[in-house]
N, C-alpha and C. Protein backbone atom coordinates (compact mmCIF):
# COMPACT_ATOMS: atom_id res chain seq x y z
N UNK A 1 84.27 98.32 29.23
CA UNK A 1 83.03 97.80 28.70
C UNK A 1 82.54 98.78 27.64
N UNK A 2 82.14 98.27 26.48
CA UNK A 2 81.73 99.18 25.43
C UNK A 2 80.32 99.72 25.66
N UNK A 3 79.94 100.67 24.81
CA UNK A 3 78.68 101.39 25.00
C UNK A 3 77.46 100.46 24.98
N UNK A 4 77.37 99.54 24.00
CA UNK A 4 76.20 98.67 23.94
C UNK A 4 76.16 97.73 25.14
N UNK A 5 77.32 97.17 25.50
CA UNK A 5 77.35 96.27 26.65
C UNK A 5 76.91 96.99 27.91
N UNK A 6 77.38 98.25 28.10
CA UNK A 6 76.93 99.04 29.24
C UNK A 6 75.43 99.27 29.16
N UNK A 7 74.95 99.55 27.96
CA UNK A 7 73.52 99.78 27.78
C UNK A 7 72.71 98.53 28.07
N UNK A 8 73.23 97.37 27.63
CA UNK A 8 72.54 96.11 27.89
C UNK A 8 72.45 95.86 29.38
N UNK A 9 73.56 96.10 30.08
CA UNK A 9 73.56 95.90 31.52
C UNK A 9 72.57 96.84 32.19
N UNK A 10 72.59 98.09 31.76
CA UNK A 10 71.66 99.07 32.34
C UNK A 10 70.22 98.68 32.05
N UNK A 11 69.97 98.26 30.81
CA UNK A 11 68.60 97.88 30.44
C UNK A 11 68.12 96.72 31.28
N UNK A 12 68.97 95.70 31.42
CA UNK A 12 68.57 94.53 32.21
C UNK A 12 68.33 94.92 33.65
N UNK A 13 69.20 95.74 34.19
CA UNK A 13 69.04 96.15 35.59
C UNK A 13 67.77 96.98 35.76
N UNK A 14 67.51 97.90 34.83
CA UNK A 14 66.30 98.71 34.92
C UNK A 14 65.05 97.87 34.77
N UNK A 15 65.09 96.91 33.85
CA UNK A 15 63.91 96.09 33.62
C UNK A 15 63.53 95.34 34.89
N UNK A 16 64.53 94.88 35.61
CA UNK A 16 64.24 94.12 36.81
C UNK A 16 63.96 95.02 38.00
N UNK A 17 64.28 96.28 37.87
CA UNK A 17 64.03 97.20 38.97
C UNK A 17 62.60 97.72 38.94
N UNK A 18 61.81 97.30 37.97
CA UNK A 18 60.40 97.64 37.99
C UNK A 18 59.94 98.58 36.90
N UNK A 19 60.71 98.69 35.82
CA UNK A 19 60.24 99.57 34.76
C UNK A 19 59.10 98.90 34.01
N UNK A 20 58.54 99.60 33.05
CA UNK A 20 57.32 99.15 32.39
C UNK A 20 57.51 97.95 31.49
N UNK A 21 58.74 97.44 31.31
CA UNK A 21 58.94 96.27 30.45
C UNK A 21 58.54 94.97 31.13
N UNK A 22 58.29 94.98 32.42
CA UNK A 22 57.87 93.78 33.13
C UNK A 22 56.42 93.49 32.74
N UNK A 23 56.15 92.29 32.18
CA UNK A 23 54.77 91.96 31.83
C UNK A 23 53.85 92.01 33.05
N UNK A 24 52.68 92.57 32.87
CA UNK A 24 51.74 92.69 33.99
C UNK A 24 51.40 91.34 34.61
N UNK A 25 51.32 90.29 33.78
CA UNK A 25 50.98 88.97 34.30
C UNK A 25 52.10 88.38 35.16
N UNK A 26 53.31 88.94 35.05
CA UNK A 26 54.44 88.43 35.84
C UNK A 26 54.52 89.06 37.22
N UNK A 27 53.87 90.18 37.42
CA UNK A 27 54.00 90.90 38.69
C UNK A 27 53.55 90.07 39.89
N UNK A 28 52.37 89.41 39.86
CA UNK A 28 51.98 88.62 41.05
C UNK A 28 52.97 87.51 41.42
N UNK A 29 53.42 86.66 40.46
CA UNK A 29 54.38 85.63 40.89
C UNK A 29 55.72 86.21 41.34
N UNK A 30 56.17 87.29 40.70
CA UNK A 30 57.44 87.89 41.10
C UNK A 30 57.34 88.53 42.48
N UNK A 31 56.17 89.03 42.82
CA UNK A 31 55.97 89.67 44.14
C UNK A 31 56.06 88.65 45.27
N UNK A 32 55.87 87.37 44.97
CA UNK A 32 55.93 86.33 46.00
C UNK A 32 57.36 85.92 46.35
N UNK A 33 58.34 86.34 45.55
CA UNK A 33 59.73 85.95 45.80
C UNK A 33 60.24 86.66 47.04
N UNK A 34 60.82 85.88 47.94
CA UNK A 34 61.41 86.43 49.15
C UNK A 34 62.90 86.08 49.13
N UNK A 35 63.75 87.06 48.86
CA UNK A 35 65.19 86.83 48.76
C UNK A 35 65.77 86.26 50.05
N UNK A 36 65.09 86.50 51.18
CA UNK A 36 65.61 86.01 52.46
C UNK A 36 65.39 84.53 52.65
N UNK A 37 64.41 83.94 51.92
CA UNK A 37 64.09 82.54 52.17
C UNK A 37 64.05 81.67 50.92
N UNK A 38 64.17 82.25 49.74
CA UNK A 38 64.05 81.45 48.51
C UNK A 38 65.09 80.33 48.49
N UNK A 39 64.72 79.19 47.95
CA UNK A 39 65.60 78.03 47.88
C UNK A 39 66.60 78.25 46.75
N UNK A 40 67.86 78.50 47.10
CA UNK A 40 68.87 78.84 46.11
C UNK A 40 69.18 77.69 45.16
N UNK A 41 68.91 76.46 45.56
CA UNK A 41 69.16 75.33 44.66
C UNK A 41 68.17 75.31 43.50
N UNK A 42 67.05 76.02 43.65
CA UNK A 42 66.05 76.08 42.58
C UNK A 42 66.17 77.34 41.72
N UNK A 43 66.95 78.30 42.15
CA UNK A 43 67.05 79.58 41.46
C UNK A 43 67.66 79.41 40.08
N UNK A 44 66.93 79.85 39.05
CA UNK A 44 67.38 79.77 37.66
C UNK A 44 67.07 81.08 36.96
N UNK A 45 67.92 81.41 36.00
CA UNK A 45 67.73 82.58 35.15
C UNK A 45 67.86 82.09 33.72
N UNK A 46 67.05 82.61 32.82
CA UNK A 46 67.18 82.31 31.40
C UNK A 46 67.13 83.62 30.63
N UNK A 47 67.99 83.70 29.60
CA UNK A 47 68.07 84.88 28.76
C UNK A 47 67.88 84.45 27.32
N UNK A 48 66.91 85.03 26.65
CA UNK A 48 66.66 84.76 25.24
C UNK A 48 67.18 85.94 24.42
N UNK A 49 68.13 85.65 23.53
CA UNK A 49 68.78 86.69 22.74
C UNK A 49 68.72 86.37 21.26
N UNK A 50 68.72 87.39 20.41
CA UNK A 50 68.89 87.13 18.98
C UNK A 50 70.25 86.48 18.75
N UNK A 51 70.35 85.62 17.72
CA UNK A 51 71.58 84.87 17.50
C UNK A 51 72.79 85.74 17.20
N UNK A 52 72.59 87.01 16.90
CA UNK A 52 73.71 87.92 16.66
C UNK A 52 74.49 88.21 17.94
N UNK A 53 73.88 87.98 19.11
CA UNK A 53 74.53 88.19 20.40
C UNK A 53 74.58 86.89 21.19
N UNK A 54 75.66 86.74 21.95
CA UNK A 54 75.77 85.62 22.88
C UNK A 54 76.32 86.15 24.20
N UNK A 55 75.82 85.66 25.32
CA UNK A 55 76.42 86.08 26.59
C UNK A 55 77.80 85.45 26.73
N UNK A 56 78.74 86.20 27.26
CA UNK A 56 80.07 85.65 27.54
C UNK A 56 80.01 84.87 28.85
N UNK A 57 80.92 83.93 29.00
CA UNK A 57 81.00 83.16 30.24
C UNK A 57 81.17 84.12 31.41
N UNK A 58 80.34 83.98 32.41
CA UNK A 58 80.38 84.84 33.58
C UNK A 58 79.71 86.19 33.38
N UNK A 59 79.11 86.39 32.21
CA UNK A 59 78.51 87.69 31.91
C UNK A 59 77.11 87.90 32.43
N UNK A 60 76.45 86.85 32.90
CA UNK A 60 75.11 86.99 33.48
C UNK A 60 75.26 86.94 35.00
N UNK A 61 74.77 87.97 35.67
CA UNK A 61 74.95 88.11 37.11
C UNK A 61 73.61 88.18 37.84
N UNK A 62 73.61 87.65 39.04
CA UNK A 62 72.51 87.86 39.97
C UNK A 62 72.99 88.92 40.94
N UNK A 63 72.28 90.02 41.01
CA UNK A 63 72.63 91.09 41.93
C UNK A 63 71.69 91.04 43.12
N UNK A 64 72.26 91.06 44.31
CA UNK A 64 71.48 91.10 45.54
C UNK A 64 71.74 92.45 46.19
N UNK A 65 70.68 93.21 46.35
CA UNK A 65 70.78 94.53 46.95
C UNK A 65 70.27 94.42 48.38
N UNK A 66 71.12 94.81 49.34
CA UNK A 66 70.74 94.77 50.74
C UNK A 66 70.77 96.19 51.29
N UNK A 67 69.86 96.45 52.19
CA UNK A 67 69.78 97.76 52.84
C UNK A 67 69.45 97.53 54.30
N UNK A 68 70.32 98.03 55.17
CA UNK A 68 70.09 97.99 56.62
C UNK A 68 69.87 99.43 57.06
N UNK A 69 68.86 99.64 57.90
CA UNK A 69 68.52 100.99 58.36
C UNK A 69 69.77 101.69 58.90
N UNK A 70 69.97 102.92 58.43
CA UNK A 70 71.09 103.72 58.89
C UNK A 70 72.40 103.46 58.16
N UNK A 71 72.39 102.54 57.20
CA UNK A 71 73.60 102.21 56.45
C UNK A 71 73.35 102.39 54.96
N UNK A 72 74.42 102.48 54.20
CA UNK A 72 74.31 102.62 52.75
C UNK A 72 73.85 101.30 52.13
N UNK A 73 73.13 101.40 51.03
CA UNK A 73 72.71 100.22 50.28
C UNK A 73 73.94 99.50 49.74
N UNK A 74 73.91 98.17 49.76
CA UNK A 74 75.03 97.36 49.27
C UNK A 74 74.54 96.45 48.16
N UNK A 75 75.33 96.36 47.09
CA UNK A 75 75.02 95.47 45.97
C UNK A 75 76.11 94.41 45.89
N UNK A 76 75.72 93.15 45.93
CA UNK A 76 76.65 92.04 45.80
C UNK A 76 76.28 91.26 44.55
N UNK A 77 77.25 91.01 43.68
CA UNK A 77 76.99 90.30 42.42
C UNK A 77 77.49 88.87 42.50
N UNK A 78 76.70 87.97 41.95
CA UNK A 78 77.03 86.56 41.89
C UNK A 78 76.99 86.13 40.42
N UNK A 79 78.08 85.53 39.94
CA UNK A 79 78.12 85.07 38.56
C UNK A 79 77.25 83.83 38.41
N UNK A 80 76.44 83.83 37.38
CA UNK A 80 75.58 82.68 37.10
C UNK A 80 76.32 81.74 36.16
N UNK A 81 76.19 80.43 36.38
CA UNK A 81 76.82 79.41 35.54
C UNK A 81 75.82 78.91 34.51
N UNK A 82 76.27 78.83 33.26
CA UNK A 82 75.38 78.34 32.21
C UNK A 82 75.13 76.85 32.38
N UNK A 83 73.90 76.43 32.12
CA UNK A 83 73.50 75.03 32.21
C UNK A 83 73.26 74.51 30.80
N UNK A 84 73.80 73.36 30.48
CA UNK A 84 73.67 72.85 29.11
C UNK A 84 72.66 71.71 28.97
N UNK A 85 72.21 71.13 30.06
CA UNK A 85 71.26 70.02 30.00
C UNK A 85 69.89 70.54 29.55
N UNK A 86 69.31 69.94 28.50
CA UNK A 86 67.99 70.40 28.03
C UNK A 86 66.92 70.38 29.13
N UNK A 87 67.07 69.51 30.13
CA UNK A 87 66.09 69.48 31.22
C UNK A 87 66.09 70.77 32.02
N UNK A 88 67.23 71.49 31.99
CA UNK A 88 67.31 72.75 32.71
C UNK A 88 66.48 73.85 32.04
N UNK A 89 66.06 73.60 30.82
CA UNK A 89 65.24 74.57 30.10
C UNK A 89 63.77 74.16 30.07
N UNK A 90 63.43 73.11 30.79
CA UNK A 90 62.05 72.62 30.82
C UNK A 90 61.13 73.75 31.27
N UNK A 91 60.06 73.92 30.54
CA UNK A 91 59.09 74.95 30.87
C UNK A 91 59.33 76.28 30.17
N UNK A 92 60.49 76.43 29.53
CA UNK A 92 60.74 77.65 28.77
C UNK A 92 60.12 77.53 27.38
N UNK A 93 59.51 78.59 26.89
CA UNK A 93 58.98 78.51 25.52
C UNK A 93 60.13 78.41 24.52
N UNK A 94 59.86 77.78 23.39
CA UNK A 94 60.87 77.69 22.34
C UNK A 94 61.17 79.10 21.84
N UNK A 95 62.45 79.42 21.65
CA UNK A 95 62.77 80.76 21.16
C UNK A 95 62.31 80.91 19.72
N UNK A 96 62.00 82.14 19.32
CA UNK A 96 61.62 82.35 17.92
C UNK A 96 62.81 82.07 17.01
N UNK A 97 62.53 81.85 15.75
CA UNK A 97 63.58 81.60 14.78
C UNK A 97 64.58 82.76 14.80
N UNK A 98 65.87 82.42 14.81
CA UNK A 98 66.91 83.45 14.85
C UNK A 98 67.29 83.88 16.25
N UNK A 99 66.78 83.16 17.27
CA UNK A 99 67.10 83.47 18.67
C UNK A 99 67.49 82.19 19.39
N UNK A 100 68.18 82.35 20.50
CA UNK A 100 68.57 81.22 21.35
C UNK A 100 68.32 81.59 22.80
N UNK A 101 68.08 80.56 23.62
CA UNK A 101 67.86 80.77 25.04
C UNK A 101 69.01 80.13 25.82
N UNK A 102 69.52 80.87 26.79
CA UNK A 102 70.61 80.42 27.64
C UNK A 102 70.08 80.36 29.07
N UNK A 103 70.34 79.24 29.77
CA UNK A 103 69.84 79.06 31.13
C UNK A 103 71.01 79.01 32.11
N UNK A 104 70.77 79.53 33.33
CA UNK A 104 71.83 79.70 34.31
C UNK A 104 71.36 79.32 35.71
N UNK A 105 72.35 79.00 36.56
CA UNK A 105 72.11 78.76 37.98
C UNK A 105 73.31 79.30 38.75
N UNK A 106 73.16 79.41 40.06
CA UNK A 106 74.28 79.81 40.91
C UNK A 106 75.26 78.64 41.05
N UNK A 107 76.54 78.95 41.10
CA UNK A 107 77.53 77.93 41.43
C UNK A 107 77.36 77.58 42.91
N UNK A 108 77.89 76.43 43.30
CA UNK A 108 77.81 76.04 44.71
C UNK A 108 78.52 77.06 45.59
N UNK A 109 79.66 77.58 45.12
CA UNK A 109 80.39 78.57 45.90
C UNK A 109 79.61 79.87 46.06
N UNK A 110 78.97 80.33 44.98
CA UNK A 110 78.19 81.55 45.08
C UNK A 110 76.90 81.34 45.86
N UNK A 111 76.34 80.15 45.79
CA UNK A 111 75.16 79.86 46.62
C UNK A 111 75.55 79.95 48.10
N UNK A 112 76.75 79.47 48.44
CA UNK A 112 77.22 79.55 49.83
C UNK A 112 77.46 81.01 50.22
N UNK A 113 78.00 81.83 49.31
CA UNK A 113 78.19 83.26 49.60
C UNK A 113 76.85 83.95 49.82
N UNK A 114 75.86 83.59 49.01
CA UNK A 114 74.53 84.17 49.15
C UNK A 114 73.94 83.77 50.50
N UNK A 115 74.08 82.49 50.88
CA UNK A 115 73.57 82.03 52.17
C UNK A 115 74.22 82.80 53.31
N UNK A 116 75.53 83.07 53.21
CA UNK A 116 76.23 83.83 54.25
C UNK A 116 75.69 85.26 54.33
N UNK A 117 75.39 85.84 53.17
CA UNK A 117 74.81 87.18 53.14
C UNK A 117 73.44 87.19 53.81
N UNK A 118 72.63 86.18 53.48
CA UNK A 118 71.30 86.09 54.11
C UNK A 118 71.42 85.90 55.62
N UNK A 119 72.34 85.03 56.05
CA UNK A 119 72.52 84.80 57.49
C UNK A 119 72.93 86.09 58.20
N UNK A 120 73.77 86.88 57.56
CA UNK A 120 74.18 88.16 58.13
C UNK A 120 72.99 89.10 58.27
N UNK A 121 72.12 89.12 57.28
CA UNK A 121 70.93 89.97 57.34
C UNK A 121 69.99 89.50 58.45
N UNK A 122 69.82 88.19 58.60
CA UNK A 122 68.96 87.65 59.66
C UNK A 122 69.54 88.02 61.02
N UNK A 123 70.85 87.89 61.18
CA UNK A 123 71.50 88.22 62.45
C UNK A 123 71.32 89.70 62.79
N UNK A 124 71.45 90.56 61.80
CA UNK A 124 71.25 91.99 62.05
C UNK A 124 69.79 92.27 62.44
N UNK A 125 68.88 91.51 61.84
CA UNK A 125 67.47 91.64 62.22
C UNK A 125 67.24 91.25 63.66
N UNK A 126 67.93 90.20 64.12
CA UNK A 126 67.81 89.77 65.52
C UNK A 126 68.35 90.82 66.47
N UNK A 127 69.26 91.64 65.98
CA UNK A 127 69.83 92.72 66.80
C UNK A 127 68.99 93.99 66.71
N UNK A 128 67.83 93.89 66.08
CA UNK A 128 66.91 95.02 66.01
C UNK A 128 67.14 95.96 64.84
N UNK A 129 68.03 95.60 63.92
CA UNK A 129 68.27 96.45 62.75
C UNK A 129 67.34 96.02 61.62
N UNK A 130 66.51 96.94 61.16
CA UNK A 130 65.61 96.64 60.05
C UNK A 130 66.39 96.62 58.76
N UNK A 131 66.03 95.71 57.88
CA UNK A 131 66.73 95.60 56.61
C UNK A 131 65.86 95.01 55.52
N UNK A 132 66.36 95.06 54.31
CA UNK A 132 65.65 94.48 53.17
C UNK A 132 66.66 93.90 52.19
N UNK A 133 66.16 92.95 51.38
CA UNK A 133 66.96 92.32 50.33
C UNK A 133 66.13 92.31 49.06
N UNK A 134 66.78 92.54 47.95
CA UNK A 134 66.11 92.46 46.66
C UNK A 134 67.01 91.77 45.65
N UNK A 135 66.39 91.13 44.65
CA UNK A 135 67.12 90.41 43.61
C UNK A 135 67.00 91.17 42.30
N UNK A 136 68.05 91.10 41.51
CA UNK A 136 68.05 91.65 40.16
C UNK A 136 68.92 90.78 39.28
N UNK A 137 68.65 90.78 38.01
CA UNK A 137 69.45 90.02 37.06
C UNK A 137 69.99 91.00 36.03
N UNK A 138 71.25 90.88 35.71
CA UNK A 138 71.85 91.74 34.70
C UNK A 138 72.71 90.89 33.77
N UNK A 139 72.50 91.05 32.49
CA UNK A 139 73.37 90.44 31.48
C UNK A 139 74.36 91.52 31.09
N UNK A 140 75.63 91.34 31.43
CA UNK A 140 76.59 92.43 31.33
C UNK A 140 77.63 92.27 30.24
N UNK A 141 77.94 91.05 29.83
CA UNK A 141 79.02 90.86 28.87
C UNK A 141 78.54 89.99 27.73
N UNK A 142 78.71 90.51 26.51
CA UNK A 142 78.25 89.83 25.32
C UNK A 142 79.38 89.74 24.30
N UNK A 143 79.22 88.83 23.37
CA UNK A 143 80.08 88.80 22.20
C UNK A 143 79.17 88.77 20.98
N UNK A 144 79.73 89.12 19.84
CA UNK A 144 78.97 89.20 18.59
C UNK A 144 79.22 87.93 17.78
N UNK A 145 78.16 87.24 17.42
CA UNK A 145 78.27 86.04 16.61
C UNK A 145 78.37 86.43 15.14
N UNK A 146 78.59 85.47 14.29
CA UNK A 146 78.70 85.74 12.86
C UNK A 146 77.35 85.79 12.18
N UNK A 147 76.31 86.00 12.94
CA UNK A 147 74.97 86.10 12.37
C UNK A 147 74.80 87.46 11.71
N UNK A 148 73.86 87.52 10.79
CA UNK A 148 73.60 88.78 10.09
C UNK A 148 73.01 89.80 11.06
N UNK A 149 73.39 91.07 10.91
CA UNK A 149 72.79 92.11 11.76
C UNK A 149 71.28 92.15 11.59
N UNK A 150 70.59 92.57 12.62
CA UNK A 150 69.14 92.60 12.59
C UNK A 150 68.64 94.01 12.83
N UNK A 151 67.40 94.27 12.42
CA UNK A 151 66.81 95.59 12.62
C UNK A 151 66.38 95.83 14.04
N UNK A 152 66.25 94.76 14.83
CA UNK A 152 65.90 94.89 16.24
C UNK A 152 66.62 93.79 17.00
N UNK A 153 66.77 94.00 18.30
CA UNK A 153 67.41 93.02 19.17
C UNK A 153 66.50 92.75 20.36
N UNK A 154 65.43 91.95 20.15
CA UNK A 154 64.52 91.67 21.25
C UNK A 154 65.12 90.70 22.27
N UNK A 155 65.05 91.08 23.54
CA UNK A 155 65.60 90.27 24.62
C UNK A 155 64.46 89.92 25.59
N UNK A 156 64.43 88.68 26.02
CA UNK A 156 63.50 88.24 27.05
C UNK A 156 64.31 87.61 28.17
N UNK A 157 63.99 87.98 29.41
CA UNK A 157 64.67 87.43 30.58
C UNK A 157 63.63 86.74 31.46
N UNK A 158 63.95 85.52 31.90
CA UNK A 158 63.07 84.72 32.75
C UNK A 158 63.74 84.46 34.09
N UNK A 159 62.92 84.28 35.12
CA UNK A 159 63.40 83.94 36.45
C UNK A 159 62.55 82.80 37.00
N UNK A 160 63.21 81.81 37.58
CA UNK A 160 62.51 80.70 38.25
C UNK A 160 63.04 80.64 39.67
N UNK A 161 62.14 80.59 40.63
CA UNK A 161 62.52 80.46 42.04
C UNK A 161 61.62 79.41 42.69
N UNK A 162 61.91 79.12 43.95
CA UNK A 162 61.07 78.16 44.67
C UNK A 162 59.66 78.71 44.86
N UNK A 163 59.52 80.03 44.82
CA UNK A 163 58.18 80.62 44.96
C UNK A 163 57.41 80.59 43.65
N UNK A 164 58.09 80.84 42.52
CA UNK A 164 57.37 80.88 41.22
C UNK A 164 57.13 79.48 40.69
N UNK A 165 58.02 78.53 40.98
CA UNK A 165 57.94 77.13 40.57
C UNK A 165 58.03 76.92 39.06
N UNK A 166 58.08 77.97 38.29
CA UNK A 166 58.28 77.88 36.84
C UNK A 166 58.93 79.17 36.38
N UNK A 167 59.44 79.15 35.14
CA UNK A 167 60.06 80.35 34.60
C UNK A 167 59.01 81.43 34.37
N UNK A 168 59.27 82.61 34.90
CA UNK A 168 58.37 83.75 34.76
C UNK A 168 59.11 84.82 33.96
N UNK A 169 58.49 85.34 32.89
CA UNK A 169 59.17 86.40 32.14
C UNK A 169 59.25 87.68 32.97
N UNK A 170 60.46 88.15 33.16
CA UNK A 170 60.68 89.39 33.88
C UNK A 170 60.67 90.55 32.88
N UNK A 171 61.18 90.27 31.70
CA UNK A 171 61.20 91.23 30.59
C UNK A 171 60.85 90.44 29.35
N UNK A 172 59.96 90.96 28.54
CA UNK A 172 59.57 90.24 27.32
C UNK A 172 59.78 91.12 26.10
N UNK A 173 60.60 90.62 25.17
CA UNK A 173 60.82 91.26 23.87
C UNK A 173 61.20 92.73 23.97
N UNK A 174 62.11 93.04 24.89
CA UNK A 174 62.62 94.40 25.02
C UNK A 174 63.63 94.63 23.90
N UNK A 175 63.37 95.58 23.01
CA UNK A 175 64.25 95.85 21.88
C UNK A 175 65.42 96.71 22.33
N UNK A 176 66.59 96.10 22.39
CA UNK A 176 67.77 96.82 22.86
C UNK A 176 68.16 97.95 21.91
N UNK A 177 67.83 97.81 20.64
CA UNK A 177 68.16 98.88 19.69
C UNK A 177 67.10 99.97 19.66
N UNK A 178 66.02 99.79 20.40
CA UNK A 178 64.98 100.82 20.48
C UNK A 178 65.44 102.01 21.31
N UNK A 179 66.51 101.85 22.06
CA UNK A 179 67.07 102.94 22.87
C UNK A 179 68.19 103.58 22.06
N UNK A 180 68.09 104.88 21.76
CA UNK A 180 69.12 105.53 20.95
C UNK A 180 70.53 105.39 21.52
N UNK A 181 70.67 105.30 22.84
CA UNK A 181 71.99 105.16 23.44
C UNK A 181 72.62 103.82 23.09
N UNK A 182 71.81 102.81 22.79
CA UNK A 182 72.33 101.48 22.47
C UNK A 182 72.47 101.26 20.97
N UNK A 183 71.66 101.93 20.18
CA UNK A 183 71.66 101.72 18.73
C UNK A 183 73.03 102.03 18.15
N UNK A 184 73.45 101.24 17.24
CA UNK A 184 74.73 101.46 16.58
C UNK A 184 75.93 100.92 17.33
N UNK A 185 75.74 100.41 18.53
CA UNK A 185 76.88 99.93 19.32
C UNK A 185 77.26 98.49 19.04
N UNK A 186 76.49 97.79 18.23
CA UNK A 186 76.75 96.37 17.97
C UNK A 186 78.14 96.13 17.41
N UNK A 187 78.60 97.00 16.52
CA UNK A 187 79.91 96.78 15.88
C UNK A 187 81.05 96.87 16.88
N UNK A 188 80.87 97.54 18.01
CA UNK A 188 81.94 97.67 18.98
C UNK A 188 82.06 96.46 19.91
N UNK A 189 81.10 95.54 19.86
CA UNK A 189 81.19 94.33 20.67
C UNK A 189 82.13 93.36 19.97
N UNK A 190 83.04 92.78 20.73
CA UNK A 190 84.03 91.85 20.18
C UNK A 190 83.35 90.60 19.63
N UNK A 191 83.88 90.05 18.53
CA UNK A 191 83.35 88.78 18.02
C UNK A 191 83.56 87.66 19.03
N UNK A 192 82.68 86.69 19.03
CA UNK A 192 82.83 85.53 19.91
C UNK A 192 84.10 84.77 19.54
N UNK A 193 84.77 84.23 20.53
CA UNK A 193 86.01 83.50 20.29
C UNK A 193 87.25 84.35 20.46
N UNK A 194 87.06 85.63 20.78
CA UNK A 194 88.22 86.49 21.00
C UNK A 194 88.33 86.85 22.45
């Protein structure tokens, strides 16, 4: 994975882990999400990117972090499937000129894997083991479109769950090139179609 792609993944993971890029107005609805009970059929992720970048197929992941008392933290990743029906983007604001929004959901197979993980956590709880689950979204694999390079790369990530009932911005207009570790890495990302 090249430097910018690693940086993008790190940025997305950090943004969802509670850094200052989370809009203050999003904190109350996001705090209501319960990974142990959320309806996985309603779970959606949307990523708004400048047209110079596109997520690769399978490049947007839902990370579930589980921790059982006395054991090491475990991270399980689930690939999100892109949705092409315009109805799947209902409630999302129109992207600014020069940007596109991509919407995702869990595949049926990954939803079943997530359910099995939740059932395992519930069973451990019944055995008296305290545990926790948390959700994170990471955009990890990108390709470079034939769009002109830009002076900034603002990214917005949205999450919709059964608790939020609408898309909530988790990160708004985070400039990926504002981080010196990411700046200049655009040329190393492979062109789309390769």
